[in-house]
Amino acid sequence: MRSTFISLLFFIGLSIPSSAQPIRTTNSTIDGHPSWIEQGNIYEVNVRQYTKEGTFKAFEKHLQRLKNMGVQTLWFMPINPISKKDRKGALGSYYSVASYTAINPEFGNMNDWKHLVQKAHSMGFKVIMDWVPNHTGPDNYWLKNHPDFYVRDKQTGEAVMADPDWTDTRQLNFSNNEMIDSMTSAMKFWVIQSDIDGFRCDHVVEFQKPLWVKCIPELKRLKNVFLLAECNDPFAFSVGFDATYPWDAFNVLKQIAQGQQKATAIDNVLSQVNKNYPSSAIRIYFTSNHDENSWNKQITAPCQEQVMLHLPY
């Protein structure tokens, strides 16, 4: 199977050597995956916190610096409007989406986003955006216009939360074909309107399969997009995702680093991966990510940059 190792922290003053692989802009594929993802890196962008202004225009000023660093692919955390109902904190969570086809007004407008993507492309970057397919915010317009798009409590009839702790979410119903069509159309909207190069899909789980078997082929017909699933399940490759997160390996590596297991424990994990995953699967091995940092404080030292490097071995 194919593996990549990602996630290096770059502090001020540290840069990628000039011998880094050049950015590839070809639409060719390797084992069905966009060839440009095979070498390079993914740089996560939190627009709100990246600059004092927290806007697309302000971030755009950093593109040349990032190109000089050797950044290849820009991954934008969700740029959709955030629900106000049941909002967690004053700012709310990016993963509580109020509209799938609109821009968070804090960041700018659609023209600002298109300009940013076009500018990034002109400089050789790829652009992927975070997508939240499992649930919406509690005031998403779908709740009013399409109440049957949601899983309902049998006693109260109310739309249920996606998780007891995610009080600012409502669970979508993946048995509803109209919802699946609408979600597919929303994802295609961003490829058509702004020419993005793919999606990092949040909280991908197997009961969403009816969505992905319809949606992914339609997206791939539009453009040779890269699709990364936040998922640790082989099913993601059976429905067309290009890459997944290897939480099993990550957890064992943490235990090895903490002296709780011997280094040879990773052999068992890799054996199971080779057994359960297709040989063409891209598994993105990492040392940390924003979820680990938020919930488990995996990164304790202050840093300025986080770059996820794809280093096939």
C-alpha atoms as a PDB file:
ATOM      1  CA  MET A   1       0.000   0.000   0.000  1.00  0.00           C
ATOM      2  CA  ARG A   2       1.039   3.621  -0.398  1.00  0.00           C
ATOM      3  CA  SER A   3       1.934   5.699   2.644  1.00  0.00           C
ATOM      4  CA  THR A   4       2.781   9.318   3.279  1.00  0.00           C
ATOM      5  CA  PHE A   5       4.094  10.912   6.434  1.00  0.00           C
ATOM      6  CA  ILE A   6       2.890  14.404   7.251  1.00  0.00           C
ATOM      7  CA  SER A   7       3.126  17.198   9.750  1.00  0.00           C
ATOM      8  CA  LEU A   8       6.255  19.144  10.483  1.00  0.00           C
ATOM      9  CA  LEU A   9       6.246  22.327  12.547  1.00  0.00           C
ATOM     10  CA  PHE A  10       8.114  25.301  11.159  1.00  0.00           C
ATOM     11  CA  PHE A  11       9.178  28.055  13.529  1.00  0.00           C
ATOM     12  CA  ILE A  12      10.247  31.546  12.494  1.00  0.00           C
ATOM     13  CA  GLY A  13      13.565  31.330  10.682  1.00  0.00           C
ATOM     14  CA  LEU A  14      13.194  27.723   9.506  1.00  0.00           C
ATOM     15  CA  SER A  15      12.486  27.182   5.823  1.00  0.00           C
ATOM     16  CA  ILE A  16      12.185  24.380   3.309  1.00  0.00           C
ATOM     17  CA  PRO A  17      15.396  23.785   1.330  1.00  0.00           C
ATOM     18  CA  SER A  18      15.550  25.097  -2.227  1.00  0.00           C
ATOM     19  CA  SER A  19      15.874  21.505  -3.414  1.00  0.00           C
ATOM     20  CA  ALA A  20      12.209  20.843  -2.512  1.00  0.00           C
ATOM     21  CA  GLN A  21      10.149  19.165  -5.214  1.00  0.00           C
ATOM     22  CA  PRO A  22       8.660  21.618  -7.760  1.00  0.00           C
ATOM     23  CA  ILE A  23       4.904  22.081  -7.796  1.00  0.00           C
ATOM     24  CA  ARG A  24       3.236  19.915 -10.415  1.00  0.00           C
ATOM     25  CA  THR A  25       0.188  21.311 -12.156  1.00  0.00           C
ATOM     26  CA  THR A  26      -0.620  18.370 -14.425  1.00  0.00           C
ATOM     27  CA  ASN A  27      -4.080  16.783 -14.395  1.00  0.00           C
ATOM     28  CA  SER A  28      -2.580  13.297 -14.737  1.00  0.00           C
ATOM     29  CA  THR A  29      -3.233  10.566 -12.196  1.00  0.00           C
ATOM     30  CA  ILE A  30      -1.191   7.934 -10.377  1.00  0.00           C
ATOM     31  CA  ASP A  31      -3.200   4.904  -9.251  1.00  0.00           C
ATOM     32  CA  GLY A  32      -6.319   7.022  -9.781  1.00  0.00           C
ATOM     33  CA  HIS A  33      -5.117   9.871  -7.544  1.00  0.00           C
ATOM     34  CA  PRO A  34      -4.179  13.381  -8.766  1.00  0.00           C
ATOM     35  CA  SER A  35      -0.462  13.116  -9.467  1.00  0.00           C
ATOM     36  CA  TRP A  36       0.322  16.486  -7.883  1.00  0.00           C
ATOM     37  CA  ILE A  37      -0.481  15.152  -4.396  1.00  0.00           C
ATOM     38  CA  GLU A  38       2.231  12.494  -4.661  1.00  0.00           C
ATOM     39  CA  GLN A  39       5.001  14.984  -3.822  1.00  0.00           C
ATOM     40  CA  GLY A  40       4.691  18.219  -1.890  1.00  0.00           C
ATOM     41  CA  ASN A  41       2.821  19.385   1.160  1.00  0.00           C
ATOM     42  CA  ILE A  42      -0.470  20.664   2.565  1.00  0.00           C
ATOM     43  CA  TYR A  43      -0.548  23.881   4.555  1.00  0.00           C
ATOM     44  CA  GLU A  44      -3.590  24.415   6.798  1.00  0.00           C
ATOM     45  CA  VAL A  45      -5.083  27.927   6.825  1.00  0.00           C
ATOM     46  CA  ASN A  46      -7.330  29.249   9.599  1.00  0.00           C
ATOM     47  CA  VAL A  47      -8.474  32.494   7.948  1.00  0.00           C
ATOM     48  CA  ARG A  48      -9.946  34.049  11.090  1.00  0.00           C
ATOM     49  CA  GLN A  49      -6.765  33.700  13.117  1.00  0.00           C
ATOM     50  CA  TYR A  50      -4.137  33.975  10.393  1.00  0.00           C
ATOM     51  CA  THR A  51      -4.058  37.776  10.271  1.00  0.00           C
ATOM     52  CA  LYS A  52      -5.228  40.646  12.447  1.00  0.00           C
ATOM     53  CA  GLU A  53      -7.941  41.399   9.886  1.00  0.00           C
ATOM     54  CA  GLY A  54      -9.021  37.756   9.539  1.00  0.00           C
ATOM     55  CA  THR A  55      -9.966  38.129   5.864  1.00  0.00           C
ATOM     56  CA  PHE A  56      -9.189  36.546   2.509  1.00  0.00           C
ATOM     57  CA  LYS A  57      -7.614  39.791   1.306  1.00  0.00           C
ATOM     58  CA  ALA A  58      -5.309  39.972   4.299  1.00  0.00           C
ATOM     59  CA  PHE A  59      -4.258  36.333   3.895  1.00  0.00           C
ATOM     60  CA  GLU A  60      -3.577  36.856   0.184  1.00  0.00           C
ATOM     61  CA  LYS A  61      -0.656  39.115   1.101  1.00  0.00           C
ATOM     62  CA  HIS A  62       1.114  36.073   2.585  1.00  0.00           C
ATOM     63  CA  LEU A  63       1.039  33.967  -0.588  1.00  0.00           C
ATOM     64  CA  GLN A  64       4.485  34.988  -1.782  1.00  0.00           C
ATOM     65  CA  ARG A  65       6.006  34.217   1.614  1.00  0.00           C
ATOM     66  CA  LEU A  66       4.367  30.780   1.591  1.00  0.00           C
ATOM     67  CA  LYS A  67       5.568  30.117  -1.940  1.00  0.00           C
ATOM     68  CA  ASN A  68       9.093  31.053  -0.870  1.00  0.00           C
ATOM     69  CA  MET A  69       8.740  28.505   1.937  1.00  0.00           C
ATOM     70  CA  GLY A  70       7.887  25.813  -0.603  1.00  0.00           C
ATOM     71  CA  VAL A  71       4.191  25.407   0.248  1.00  0.00           C
ATOM     72  CA  GLN A  72       2.253  23.525  -2.434  1.00  0.00           C
ATOM     73  CA  THR A  73      -1.353  22.974  -1.344  1.00  0.00           C
ATOM     74  CA  LEU A  74      -3.447  25.360   0.756  1.00  0.00           C
ATOM     75  CA  TRP A  75      -6.123  23.713   2.923  1.00  0.00           C
ATOM     76  CA  PHE A  76      -8.670  26.267   4.125  1.00  0.00           C
ATOM     77  CA  MET A  77     -10.654  25.425   7.235  1.00  0.00           C
ATOM     78  CA  PRO A  78     -14.429  25.890   6.604  1.00  0.00           C
ATOM     79  CA  ILE A  79     -15.226  29.219   4.967  1.00  0.00           C
ATOM     80  CA  ASN A  80     -19.025  28.924   5.211  1.00  0.00           C
ATOM     81  CA  PRO A  81     -21.184  31.095   7.502  1.00  0.00           C
ATOM     82  CA  ILE A  82     -21.396  29.852  11.103  1.00  0.00           C
ATOM     83  CA  SER A  83     -24.787  29.172  12.690  1.00  0.00           C
ATOM     84  CA  LYS A  84     -25.868  31.611  15.402  1.00  0.00           C
ATOM     85  CA  LYS A  85     -28.403  29.399  17.157  1.00  0.00           C
ATOM     86  CA  ASP A  86     -26.833  27.312  19.968  1.00  0.00           C
ATOM     87  CA  ARG A  87     -23.477  28.826  19.041  1.00  0.00           C
ATOM     88  CA  LYS A  88     -20.561  27.705  21.195  1.00  0.00           C
ATOM     89  CA  GLY A  89     -18.832  30.821  22.473  1.00  0.00           C
ATOM     90  CA  ALA A  90     -19.034  34.236  20.894  1.00  0.00           C
ATOM     91  CA  LEU A  91     -17.398  33.197  17.626  1.00  0.00           C
ATOM     92  CA  GLY A  92     -18.848  29.713  17.150  1.00  0.00           C
ATOM     93  CA  SER A  93     -17.407  26.658  15.433  1.00  0.00           C
ATOM     94  CA  TYR A  94     -16.496  26.567  11.751  1.00  0.00           C
ATOM     95  CA  TYR A  95     -18.035  23.092  11.710  1.00  0.00           C
ATOM     96  CA  SER A  96     -21.538  24.411  12.470  1.00  0.00           C
ATOM     97  CA  VAL A  97     -22.471  25.399   8.924  1.00  0.00           C
ATOM     98  CA  ALA A  98     -25.348  27.815   8.290  1.00  0.00           C
ATOM     99  CA  SER A  99     -25.186  27.629   4.488  1.00  0.00           C
ATOM    100  CA  TYR A 100     -23.214  25.350   2.192  1.00  0.00           C
ATOM    101  CA  THR A 101     -23.121  27.785  -0.727  1.00  0.00           C
ATOM    102  CA  ALA A 102     -22.255  31.041   1.034  1.00  0.00           C
ATOM    103  CA  ILE A 103     -19.151  32.720   2.405  1.00  0.00           C
ATOM    104  CA  ASN A 104     -18.579  33.590   6.055  1.00  0.00           C
ATOM    105  CA  PRO A 105     -18.969  37.409   5.912  1.00  0.00           C
ATOM    106  CA  GLU A 106     -16.161  37.782   8.461  1.00  0.00           C
ATOM    107  CA  PHE A 107     -13.759  36.642   5.753  1.00  0.00           C
ATOM    108  CA  GLY A 108     -15.067  38.690   2.818  1.00  0.00           C
ATOM    109  CA  ASN A 109     -17.341  37.820  -0.084  1.00  0.00           C
ATOM    110  CA  MET A 110     -17.425  35.387  -2.993  1.00  0.00           C
ATOM    111  CA  ASN A 111     -15.448  37.703  -5.248  1.00  0.00           C
ATOM    112  CA  ASP A 112     -12.732  37.932  -2.588  1.00  0.00           C
ATOM    113  CA  TRP A 113     -12.587  34.126  -2.380  1.00  0.00           C
ATOM    114  CA  LYS A 114     -12.455  33.695  -6.152  1.00  0.00           C
ATOM    115  CA  HIS A 115      -9.690  36.262  -6.400  1.00  0.00           C
ATOM    116  CA  LEU A 116      -7.700  34.463  -3.715  1.00  0.00           C
ATOM    117  CA  VAL A 117      -8.056  31.095  -5.463  1.00  0.00           C
ATOM    118  CA  GLN A 118      -7.142  32.597  -8.829  1.00  0.00           C
ATOM    119  CA  LYS A 119      -4.117  34.340  -7.345  1.00  0.00           C
ATOM    120  CA  ALA A 120      -3.022  31.136  -5.624  1.00  0.00           C
ATOM    121  CA  HIS A 121      -3.387  29.152  -8.843  1.00  0.00           C
ATOM    122  CA  SER A 122      -1.412  31.759 -10.791  1.00  0.00           C
ATOM    123  CA  MET A 123       1.449  31.232  -8.338  1.00  0.00           C
ATOM    124  CA  GLY A 124       1.335  27.440  -8.669  1.00  0.00           C
ATOM    125  CA  PHE A 125      -0.582  26.539  -5.497  1.00  0.00           C
ATOM    126  CA  LYS A 126      -3.373  23.978  -5.241  1.00  0.00           C
ATOM    127  CA  VAL A 127      -6.383  24.905  -3.088  1.00  0.00           C
ATOM    128  CA  ILE A 128      -8.614  22.544  -1.112  1.00  0.00           C
ATOM    129  CA  MET A 129     -11.392  23.527   1.251  1.00  0.00           C
ATOM    130  CA  ASP A 130     -12.734  21.907   4.413  1.00  0.00           C
ATOM    131  CA  TRP A 131     -16.211  20.410   3.966  1.00  0.00           C
ATOM    132  CA  VAL A 132     -18.670  19.372   6.687  1.00  0.00           C
ATOM    133  CA  PRO A 133     -20.917  16.654   5.200  1.00  0.00           C
ATOM    134  CA  ASN A 134     -22.235  14.913   8.320  1.00  0.00           C
ATOM    135  CA  HIS A 135     -24.242  17.681   9.962  1.00  0.00           C
ATOM    136  CA  THR A 136     -25.228  21.323   9.736  1.00  0.00           C
ATOM    137  CA  GLY A 137     -25.701  24.106  12.233  1.00  0.00           C
ATOM    138  CA  PRO A 138     -29.113  24.396  13.940  1.00  0.00           C
ATOM    139  CA  ASP A 139     -30.193  27.385  11.848  1.00  0.00           C
ATOM    140  CA  ASN A 140     -29.070  26.106   8.460  1.00  0.00           C
ATOM    141  CA  TYR A 141     -31.724  27.061   5.886  1.00  0.00           C
ATOM    142  CA  TRP A 142     -32.204  23.360   5.094  1.00  0.00           C
ATOM    143  CA  LEU A 143     -33.891  22.875   8.472  1.00  0.00           C
ATOM    144  CA  LYS A 144     -36.707  25.218   7.508  1.00  0.00           C
ATOM    145  CA  ASN A 145     -36.976  24.418   3.804  1.00  0.00           C
ATOM    146  CA  HIS A 146     -36.178  20.694   3.917  1.00  0.00           C
ATOM    147  CA  PRO A 147     -36.956  19.307   7.385  1.00  0.00           C
ATOM    148  CA  ASP A 148     -36.809  15.728   6.082  1.00  0.00           C
ATOM    149  CA  PHE A 149     -33.103  16.206   5.333  1.00  0.00           C
ATOM    150  CA  TYR A 150     -32.468  15.553   9.053  1.00  0.00           C
ATOM    151  CA  VAL A 151     -32.640  12.666  11.500  1.00  0.00           C
ATOM    152  CA  ARG A 152     -35.581  13.318  13.822  1.00  0.00           C
ATOM    153  CA  ASP A 153     -36.260  12.325  17.417  1.00  0.00           C
ATOM    154  CA  LYS A 154     -39.103   9.788  17.319  1.00  0.00           C
ATOM    155  CA  GLN A 155     -40.858  11.316  20.317  1.00  0.00           C
ATOM    156  CA  THR A 156     -40.370  15.058  19.842  1.00  0.00           C
ATOM    157  CA  GLY A 157     -39.890  15.224  16.084  1.00  0.00           C
ATOM    158  CA  GLU A 158     -36.965  17.593  16.603  1.00  0.00           C
ATOM    159  CA  ALA A 159     -33.779  17.315  14.551  1.00  0.00           C
ATOM    160  CA  VAL A 160     -31.200  15.492  16.685  1.00  0.00           C
ATOM    161  CA  MET A 161     -27.635  16.588  17.410  1.00  0.00           C
ATOM    162  CA  ALA A 162     -24.836  14.780  15.588  1.00  0.00           C
ATOM    163  CA  ASP A 163     -23.186  14.081  18.965  1.00  0.00           C
ATOM    164  CA  PRO A 164     -24.282  14.854  22.543  1.00  0.00           C
ATOM    165  CA  ASP A 165     -21.338  17.246  22.905  1.00  0.00           C
ATOM    166  CA  TRP A 166     -21.935  18.920  19.553  1.00  0.00           C
ATOM    167  CA  THR A 167     -24.872  20.996  20.718  1.00  0.00           C
ATOM    168  CA  ASP A 168     -24.401  23.404  17.824  1.00  0.00           C
ATOM    169  CA  THR A 169     -25.089  20.711  15.178  1.00  0.00           C
ATOM    170  CA  ARG A 170     -28.007  18.803  13.670  1.00  0.00           C
ATOM    171  CA  GLN A 171     -27.553  15.338  12.112  1.00  0.00           C
ATOM    172  CA  LEU A 172     -28.259  14.914   8.401  1.00  0.00           C
ATOM    173  CA  ASN A 173     -30.270  11.959   7.113  1.00  0.00           C
ATOM    174  CA  PHE A 174     -28.290   9.911   4.604  1.00  0.00           C
ATOM    175  CA  SER A 175     -31.329   7.846   3.695  1.00  0.00           C
ATOM    176  CA  ASN A 176     -32.832  10.886   2.021  1.00  0.00           C
ATOM    177  CA  ASN A 177     -31.923  10.943  -1.669  1.00  0.00           C
ATOM    178  CA  GLU A 178     -32.921  14.568  -2.107  1.00  0.00           C
ATOM    179  CA  MET A 179     -30.490  15.564   0.657  1.00  0.00           C
ATOM    180  CA  ILE A 180     -27.757  13.573  -1.071  1.00  0.00           C
ATOM    181  CA  ASP A 181     -28.484  15.342  -4.364  1.00  0.00           C
ATOM    182  CA  SER A 182     -28.418  18.724  -2.630  1.00  0.00           C
ATOM    183  CA  MET A 183     -25.128  17.992  -0.864  1.00  0.00           C
ATOM    184  CA  THR A 184     -23.600  16.820  -4.135  1.00  0.00           C
ATOM    185  CA  SER A 185     -24.759  19.991  -5.873  1.00  0.00           C
ATOM    186  CA  ALA A 186     -23.306  22.129  -3.078  1.00  0.00           C
ATOM    187  CA  MET A 187     -19.875  20.521  -3.397  1.00  0.00           C
ATOM    188  CA  LYS A 188     -19.948  20.833  -7.180  1.00  0.00           C
ATOM    189  CA  PHE A 189     -20.874  24.504  -6.735  1.00  0.00           C
ATOM    190  CA  TRP A 190     -17.463  25.312  -5.247  1.00  0.00           C
ATOM    191  CA  VAL A 191     -15.559  23.456  -7.956  1.00  0.00           C
ATOM    192  CA  ILE A 192     -17.558  25.186 -10.717  1.00  0.00           C
ATOM    193  CA  GLN A 193     -17.668  28.652  -9.179  1.00  0.00           C
ATOM    194  CA  SER A 194     -14.161  28.954  -7.759  1.00  0.00           C
ATOM    195  CA  ASP A 195     -12.155  26.166  -9.430  1.00  0.00           C
ATOM    196  CA  ILE A 196     -10.868  24.641  -6.181  1.00  0.00           C
ATOM    197  CA  ASP A 197      -8.745  21.487  -6.405  1.00  0.00           C
ATOM    198  CA  GLY A 198     -10.406  19.311  -3.786  1.00  0.00           C
ATOM    199  CA  PHE A 199     -11.868  18.866  -0.330  1.00  0.00           C
ATOM    200  CA  ARG A 200     -10.783  17.758   3.109  1.00  0.00           C
ATOM    201  CA  CYS A 201     -14.029  16.144   4.302  1.00  0.00           C
ATOM    202  CA  ASP A 202     -14.735  16.348   8.025  1.00  0.00           C
ATOM    203  CA  HIS A 203     -16.010  13.396  10.083  1.00  0.00           C
ATOM    204  CA  VAL A 204     -16.464  10.847   7.304  1.00  0.00           C
ATOM    205  CA  VAL A 205     -18.302   7.731   8.561  1.00  0.00           C
ATOM    206  CA  GLU A 206     -19.667   4.634   6.863  1.00  0.00           C
ATOM    207  CA  PHE A 207     -23.366   5.486   7.097  1.00  0.00           C
ATOM    208  CA  GLN A 208     -22.634   8.378   4.710  1.00  0.00           C
ATOM    209  CA  LYS A 209     -21.832   5.860   1.959  1.00  0.00           C
ATOM    210  CA  PRO A 210     -24.954   6.683  -0.135  1.00  0.00           C
ATOM    211  CA  LEU A 211     -23.648  10.241  -0.455  1.00  0.00           C
ATOM    212  CA  TRP A 212     -20.134   9.371  -1.501  1.00  0.00           C
ATOM    213  CA  VAL A 213     -21.005   6.716  -4.094  1.00  0.00           C
ATOM    214  CA  LYS A 214     -23.036   9.377  -5.898  1.00  0.00           C
ATOM    215  CA  CYS A 215     -21.052  12.501  -5.147  1.00  0.00           C
ATOM    216  CA  ILE A 216     -17.434  11.493  -5.734  1.00  0.00           C
ATOM    217  CA  PRO A 217     -17.844  10.270  -9.344  1.00  0.00           C
ATOM    218  CA  GLU A 218     -19.701  13.487 -10.188  1.00  0.00           C
ATOM    219  CA  LEU A 219     -16.957  15.608  -8.652  1.00  0.00           C
ATOM    220  CA  LYS A 220     -14.252  13.641 -10.461  1.00  0.00           C
ATOM    221  CA  ARG A 221     -16.053  14.165 -13.776  1.00  0.00           C
ATOM    222  CA  LEU A 222     -15.910  17.914 -13.207  1.00  0.00           C
ATOM    223  CA  LYS A 223     -12.246  18.028 -12.255  1.00  0.00           C
ATOM    224  CA  ASN A 224      -9.441  15.765 -11.106  1.00  0.00           C
ATOM    225  CA  VAL A 225     -10.027  16.774  -7.481  1.00  0.00           C
ATOM    226  CA  PHE A 226      -8.169  15.446  -4.436  1.00  0.00           C
ATOM    227  CA  LEU A 227     -10.413  14.084  -1.670  1.00  0.00           C
ATOM    228  CA  LEU A 228      -9.062  13.606   1.862  1.00  0.00           C
ATOM    229  CA  ALA A 229     -11.377  11.912   4.372  1.00  0.00           C
ATOM    230  CA  GLU A 230     -11.057  12.544   8.097  1.00  0.00           C
ATOM    231  CA  CYS A 231     -11.565   8.854   8.622  1.00  0.00           C
ATOM    232  CA  ASN A 232      -9.670   5.730   9.695  1.00  0.00           C
ATOM    233  CA  ASP A 233     -11.876   3.206   7.900  1.00  0.00           C
ATOM    234  CA  PRO A 234     -11.017   1.325   4.688  1.00  0.00           C
ATOM    235  CA  PHE A 235     -14.558   1.937   3.391  1.00  0.00           C
ATOM    236  CA  ALA A 236     -13.470   5.466   2.390  1.00  0.00           C
ATOM    237  CA  PHE A 237     -11.344   4.041  -0.420  1.00  0.00           C
ATOM    238  CA  SER A 238     -14.172   1.823  -1.644  1.00  0.00           C
ATOM    239  CA  VAL A 239     -16.292   4.932  -2.322  1.00  0.00           C
ATOM    240  CA  GLY A 240     -13.531   6.905  -4.035  1.00  0.00           C
ATOM    241  CA  PHE A 241     -11.587   8.945  -1.495  1.00  0.00           C
ATOM    242  CA  ASP A 242      -7.910   9.459  -2.291  1.00  0.00           C
ATOM    243  CA  ALA A 243      -6.556   9.564   1.264  1.00  0.00           C
ATOM    244  CA  THR A 244      -7.474   9.011   4.924  1.00  0.00           C
ATOM    245  CA  TYR A 245      -6.134   9.707   8.409  1.00  0.00           C
ATOM    246  CA  PRO A 246      -4.358   6.773  10.170  1.00  0.00           C
ATOM    247  CA  TRP A 247      -5.511   7.255  13.762  1.00  0.00           C
ATOM    248  CA  ASP A 248      -4.528   3.679  14.641  1.00  0.00           C
ATOM    249  CA  ALA A 249      -0.879   4.287  13.801  1.00  0.00           C
ATOM    250  CA  PHE A 250      -0.921   7.733  15.393  1.00  0.00           C
ATOM    251  CA  ASN A 251      -2.163   6.387  18.732  1.00  0.00           C
ATOM    252  CA  VAL A 252       0.438   3.618  18.803  1.00  0.00           C
ATOM    253  CA  LEU A 253       3.215   6.062  17.910  1.00  0.00           C
ATOM    254  CA  LYS A 254       2.167   8.264  20.828  1.00  0.00           C
ATOM    255  CA  GLN A 255       2.346   5.272  23.163  1.00  0.00           C
ATOM    256  CA  ILE A 256       5.794   4.359  21.831  1.00  0.00           C
ATOM    257  CA  ALA A 257       7.015   7.937  22.315  1.00  0.00           C
ATOM    258  CA  GLN A 258       5.696   7.895  25.890  1.00  0.00           C
ATOM    259  CA  GLY A 259       7.430   4.596  26.642  1.00  0.00           C
ATOM    260  CA  GLN A 260       4.150   2.700  27.020  1.00  0.00           C
ATOM    261  CA  GLN A 261       4.929   0.309  24.144  1.00  0.00           C
ATOM    262  CA  LYS A 262       8.019  -0.989  22.378  1.00  0.00           C
ATOM    263  CA  ALA A 263       8.875   0.407  18.968  1.00  0.00           C
ATOM    264  CA  THR A 264       8.033  -2.957  17.394  1.00  0.00           C
ATOM    265  CA  ALA A 265       4.331  -2.320  18.220  1.00  0.00           C
ATOM    266  CA  ILE A 266       4.068  -0.314  15.017  1.00  0.00           C
ATOM    267  CA  ASP A 267       4.780  -3.483  13.015  1.00  0.00           C
ATOM    268  CA  ASN A 268       1.446  -4.965  14.054  1.00  0.00           C
ATOM    269  CA  VAL A 269      -0.398  -1.802  13.016  1.00  0.00           C
ATOM    270  CA  LEU A 270       1.282  -1.707   9.618  1.00  0.00           C
ATOM    271  CA  SER A 271       0.538  -5.411   9.132  1.00  0.00           C
ATOM    272  CA  GLN A 272      -3.162  -4.760   9.693  1.00  0.00           C
ATOM    273  CA  VAL A 273      -3.060  -1.786   7.338  1.00  0.00           C
ATOM    274  CA  ASN A 274      -1.473  -3.883   4.583  1.00  0.00           C
ATOM    275  CA  LYS A 275      -4.136  -6.521   5.163  1.00  0.00           C
ATOM    276  CA  ASN A 276      -7.170  -4.238   5.251  1.00  0.00           C
ATOM    277  CA  TYR A 277      -6.385  -1.420   2.815  1.00  0.00           C
ATOM    278  CA  PRO A 278      -6.011  -1.489  -0.988  1.00  0.00           C
ATOM    279  CA  SER A 279      -2.476  -1.226  -2.326  1.00  0.00           C
ATOM    280  CA  SER A 280      -3.270   2.128  -3.981  1.00  0.00           C
ATOM    281  CA  ALA A 281      -4.582   3.721  -0.769  1.00  0.00           C
ATOM    282  CA  ILE A 282      -2.916   6.910   0.423  1.00  0.00           C
ATOM    283  CA  ARG A 283      -2.686   6.970   4.233  1.00  0.00           C
ATOM    284  CA  ILE A 284      -1.383  10.257   5.546  1.00  0.00           C
ATOM    285  CA  TYR A 285       0.762   9.598   8.606  1.00  0.00           C
ATOM    286  CA  PHE A 286       1.105  12.611  10.877  1.00  0.00           C
ATOM    287  CA  THR A 287       2.637  13.735  14.147  1.00  0.00           C
ATOM    288  CA  SER A 288      -0.256  16.086  14.993  1.00  0.00           C
ATOM    289  CA  ASN A 289      -3.232  18.003  13.572  1.00  0.00           C
ATOM    290  CA  HIS A 290      -5.561  20.779  14.710  1.00  0.00           C
ATOM    291  CA  ASP A 291      -7.984  18.379  16.433  1.00  0.00           C
ATOM    292  CA  GLU A 292      -5.223  16.776  18.467  1.00  0.00           C
ATOM    293  CA  ASN A 293      -3.900  20.201  19.389  1.00  0.00           C
ATOM    294  CA  SER A 294      -7.358  21.499  20.370  1.00  0.00           C
ATOM    295  CA  TRP A 295      -8.512  18.535  22.440  1.00  0.00           C
ATOM    296  CA  ASN A 296      -5.319  16.854  23.661  1.00  0.00           C
ATOM    297  CA  LYS A 297      -2.850  19.781  23.559  1.00  0.00           C
ATOM    298  CA  GLN A 298      -0.479  17.707  21.463  1.00  0.00           C
ATOM    299  CA  ILE A 299       1.548  20.790  20.502  1.00  0.00           C
ATOM    300  CA  THR A 300       2.716  22.696  23.558  1.00  0.00           C
ATOM    301  CA  ALA A 301       5.477  24.889  22.122  1.00  0.00           C
ATOM    302  CA  PRO A 302       4.415  28.132  20.397  1.00  0.00           C
ATOM    303  CA  CYS A 303       4.779  27.925  16.634  1.00  0.00           C
ATOM    304  CA  GLN A 304       4.153  30.120  13.649  1.00  0.00           C
ATOM    305  CA  GLU A 305       3.651  27.585  10.869  1.00  0.00           C
ATOM    306  CA  GLN A 306       2.271  24.081  10.517  1.00  0.00           C
ATOM    307  CA  VAL A 307       2.994  22.325   7.259  1.00  0.00           C
ATOM    308  CA  MET A 308       1.997  18.759   6.458  1.00  0.00           C
ATOM    309  CA  LEU A 309       4.613  17.210   4.192  1.00  0.00           C
ATOM    310  CA  HIS A 310       3.905  14.286   1.870  1.00  0.00           C
ATOM    311  CA  LEU A 311       7.025  12.163   1.848  1.00  0.00           C
ATOM    312  CA  PRO A 312       6.362   8.791   0.144  1.00  0.00           C
ATOM    313  CA  TYR A 313       8.474   5.892   1.366  1.00  0.00           C
END
